């Protein structure tokens, strides 16, 4: 079933240059979009949004860290290792389960949903599309993406449930940020204030 679903999606690759380029773009968008989103949330005047950025980072650390450990003990070959696939991007033949990119996007989207952020719906759609794109370009099986969703969900729940224990870290970050901002030249402070 895992391979059958993979083949169904991957069979669309190479048939439309427009769709191929769109899927490649989506597949590679994860890191840039997450960094941009974190910066956007952090530089808002609303402290609540800063907390959302903080919880996303904690979830990413926990989820990606768990994924790294999983990869040390369990190897699952990527689709292009054992099958003839249409591979649109270069990739190493390291373990495919679970997807790092999937973990990155789902961790972000799930925290936004749990925090009832206005961007939650858009980030959820983007995360699903990124997951599909990783299958489309030939580097992941569907179960790799489903696994990353489950892992991200568990990590997000742990972070939210233990937020009282990480509150002191956020207070330190806010204090350091305030000190840094106050030491900036007045012109830069005004620009930062207007950006917020």
Protein backbone atom coordinates (compact mmCIF):
# COMPACT_ATOMS: atom_id res chain seq x y z
CA UNK A 1 0.00 0.00 0.00
CA UNK A 2 2.83 2.40 0.89
CA UNK A 3 4.50 1.86 -2.47
CA UNK A 4 1.18 1.83 -4.37
CA UNK A 5 0.25 5.29 -3.07
CA UNK A 6 3.79 6.52 -3.70
CA UNK A 7 3.69 5.25 -7.29
CA UNK A 8 0.30 6.86 -7.92
CA UNK A 9 1.60 10.30 -6.84
CA UNK A 10 5.09 9.97 -8.31
CA UNK A 11 3.69 8.88 -11.69
CA UNK A 12 2.50 12.48 -12.21
CA UNK A 13 6.12 13.69 -12.05
CA UNK A 14 7.85 14.49 -15.32
CA UNK A 15 4.62 15.01 -17.26
CA UNK A 16 4.16 18.75 -16.69
CA UNK A 17 7.09 21.14 -16.30
CA UNK A 18 4.83 23.67 -14.57
CA UNK A 19 3.65 21.13 -11.98
CA UNK A 20 7.18 19.75 -11.60
CA UNK A 21 8.64 23.19 -10.86
CA UNK A 22 5.81 23.97 -8.44
CA UNK A 23 6.35 20.71 -6.55
CA UNK A 24 10.12 21.20 -6.46
CA UNK A 25 9.57 24.71 -5.10
CA UNK A 26 7.18 23.40 -2.43
CA UNK A 27 9.54 20.58 -1.55
CA UNK A 28 12.40 23.01 -0.95
CA UNK A 29 10.31 25.76 0.68
CA UNK A 30 10.12 24.29 4.18
CA UNK A 31 13.21 25.75 5.85
CA UNK A 32 12.90 29.23 4.33
CA UNK A 33 9.18 29.53 5.11
CA UNK A 34 9.57 28.31 8.70
CA UNK A 35 12.43 30.76 9.37
CA UNK A 36 10.43 33.59 7.80
CA UNK A 37 7.35 32.68 9.83
CA UNK A 38 9.34 32.53 13.09
CA UNK A 39 10.81 35.98 12.41
CA UNK A 40 7.37 37.36 11.58
CA UNK A 41 5.88 36.00 14.81
CA UNK A 42 8.79 37.10 17.00
CA UNK A 43 8.85 40.70 15.75
CA UNK A 44 5.18 41.30 16.51
CA UNK A 45 4.24 43.61 19.39
CA UNK A 46 1.86 40.93 20.60
CA UNK A 47 3.78 38.87 23.18
CA UNK A 48 1.38 35.99 22.59
CA UNK A 49 2.79 35.61 19.07
CA UNK A 50 6.32 35.58 20.46
CA UNK A 51 5.25 32.68 22.66
CA UNK A 52 3.92 30.89 19.59
CA UNK A 53 7.32 31.26 17.89
CA UNK A 54 8.97 29.96 21.07
CA UNK A 55 6.72 26.87 21.17
CA UNK A 56 7.36 26.18 17.49
CA UNK A 57 11.12 26.20 18.13
CA UNK A 58 10.76 23.88 21.16
CA UNK A 59 8.58 21.50 19.11
CA UNK A 60 11.10 21.50 16.27
CA UNK A 61 13.95 20.71 18.67
CA UNK A 62 12.02 17.86 20.26
CA UNK A 63 10.59 16.41 17.03
CA UNK A 64 13.73 16.72 14.88
CA UNK A 65 15.85 15.46 17.77
CA UNK A 66 13.59 12.41 18.12
CA UNK A 67 13.80 11.88 14.36
CA UNK A 68 17.60 12.02 14.48
CA UNK A 69 17.64 9.33 17.19
CA UNK A 70 15.15 7.21 15.21
CA UNK A 71 17.39 7.36 12.15
CA UNK A 72 20.29 5.98 14.18
CA UNK A 73 18.37 2.81 15.06
CA UNK A 74 16.06 2.27 12.12
CA UNK A 75 16.87 2.47 8.42
CA UNK A 76 14.15 2.58 5.79
CA UNK A 77 15.40 2.89 2.23
CA UNK A 78 14.12 5.78 0.15
CA UNK A 79 11.88 4.99 -2.84
CA UNK A 80 14.64 5.62 -5.40
CA UNK A 81 16.94 3.07 -3.71
CA UNK A 82 14.75 0.02 -4.38
CA UNK A 83 12.48 1.17 -7.18
CA UNK A 84 12.57 2.94 -10.49
CA UNK A 85 11.10 6.37 -9.73
CA UNK A 86 10.93 9.79 -11.32
CA UNK A 87 13.33 11.66 -9.05
CA UNK A 88 13.20 15.43 -9.53
CA UNK A 89 15.69 16.53 -6.86
CA UNK A 90 19.05 15.19 -5.72
CA UNK A 91 19.03 13.50 -2.33
CA UNK A 92 21.23 11.23 -0.26
CA UNK A 93 20.13 7.64 0.32
CA UNK A 94 19.85 8.00 4.10
CA UNK A 95 16.81 6.69 5.99
CA UNK A 96 13.50 8.08 4.78
CA UNK A 97 11.36 7.36 7.86
CA UNK A 98 10.34 9.80 9.16
CA UNK A 99 10.65 12.84 6.90
CA UNK A 100 12.67 15.76 8.30
CA UNK A 101 10.89 18.17 5.97
CA UNK A 102 7.53 16.75 7.02
CA UNK A 103 8.49 17.09 10.67
CA UNK A 104 9.53 20.69 10.08
CA UNK A 105 6.29 21.77 8.41
CA UNK A 106 3.86 19.75 10.54
CA UNK A 107 5.49 20.86 13.81
CA UNK A 108 4.99 24.46 12.73
CA UNK A 109 1.43 23.97 11.51
CA UNK A 110 0.28 21.98 14.55
CA UNK A 111 1.57 24.57 17.04
CA UNK A 112 -0.16 27.33 15.06
CA UNK A 113 -3.39 25.30 15.18
CA UNK A 114 -3.09 24.59 18.90
CA UNK A 115 -2.35 28.27 19.56
CA UNK A 116 -5.33 29.31 17.38
CA UNK A 117 -3.11 31.56 15.28
CA UNK A 118 -4.70 33.33 12.30
CA UNK A 119 -2.16 31.67 9.98
CA UNK A 120 -3.02 28.16 11.20
CA UNK A 121 -5.29 27.14 8.29
CA UNK A 122 -2.83 28.39 5.67
CA UNK A 123 0.11 26.69 7.35
CA UNK A 124 -1.84 23.41 7.57
CA UNK A 125 -2.59 23.50 3.83
CA UNK A 126 1.05 24.39 3.10
CA UNK A 127 2.29 21.54 5.32
CA UNK A 128 0.08 18.99 3.54
CA UNK A 129 1.23 20.25 0.13
CA UNK A 130 4.88 20.05 1.18
CA UNK A 131 4.28 16.49 2.36
CA UNK A 132 2.72 15.55 -0.99
CA UNK A 133 5.53 17.29 -2.87
CA UNK A 134 8.16 15.17 -1.09
CA UNK A 135 6.41 12.08 -2.46
CA UNK A 136 5.92 13.67 -5.88
CA UNK A 137 9.63 14.48 -6.30
CA UNK A 138 10.53 10.88 -5.44
CA UNK A 139 12.32 11.09 -2.10
CA UNK A 140 9.67 9.91 0.41
CA UNK A 141 6.98 7.30 0.84
CA UNK A 142 3.51 8.36 2.09
CA UNK A 143 4.11 6.61 5.44
CA UNK A 144 7.24 8.75 5.93
CA UNK A 145 5.01 11.83 5.77
CA UNK A 146 2.28 10.32 7.96
CA UNK A 147 4.98 9.35 10.47
CA UNK A 148 6.31 12.90 10.53
CA UNK A 149 2.77 14.19 11.19
CA UNK A 150 2.34 11.80 14.14
CA UNK A 151 5.79 12.59 15.55
CA UNK A 152 5.19 16.34 15.20
CA UNK A 153 1.78 16.05 16.85
CA UNK A 154 3.20 14.18 19.83
CA UNK A 155 6.08 16.66 20.19
CA UNK A 156 3.67 19.62 19.98
CA UNK A 157 1.42 18.14 22.65
CA UNK A 158 4.40 17.56 24.96
CA UNK A 159 5.55 21.16 24.47
CA UNK A 160 2.10 22.62 25.14
CA UNK A 161 1.44 20.34 28.14
CA UNK A 162 4.81 21.22 29.72
CA UNK A 163 4.74 24.96 28.96
CA UNK A 164 4.75 25.84 32.67
CA UNK A 165 8.18 24.23 32.95
CA UNK A 166 9.64 26.17 30.00
CA UNK A 167 8.17 29.56 30.98
CA UNK A 168 11.44 30.63 32.61
CA UNK A 169 13.30 30.13 29.31
CA UNK A 170 10.86 32.39 27.49
CA UNK A 171 11.20 35.09 30.15
CA UNK A 172 14.98 34.98 29.74
CA UNK A 173 14.63 35.27 25.96
CA UNK A 174 12.26 38.24 26.26
CA UNK A 175 14.63 39.96 28.68
CA UNK A 176 17.64 39.41 26.39
CA UNK A 177 15.62 40.65 23.40
CA UNK A 178 14.60 43.78 25.32
CA UNK A 179 18.23 44.50 26.27
CA UNK A 180 19.38 44.07 22.66
CA UNK A 181 16.63 46.31 21.28
CA UNK A 182 17.35 49.01 23.87
CA UNK A 183 21.01 49.07 22.84
CA UNK A 184 20.22 49.60 19.17
CA UNK A 185 20.57 53.10 17.69
CA UNK A 186 17.35 55.13 17.89
CA UNK A 187 16.84 55.00 14.10
CA UNK A 188 17.05 51.22 14.10
CA UNK A 189 14.70 51.02 17.08
CA UNK A 190 12.16 53.16 15.22
CA UNK A 191 12.41 50.91 12.15
CA UNK A 192 11.97 47.82 14.29
CA UNK A 193 9.01 49.41 16.06
CA UNK A 194 7.36 50.31 12.77
CA UNK A 195 7.93 46.77 11.48
CA UNK A 196 6.13 45.42 14.53
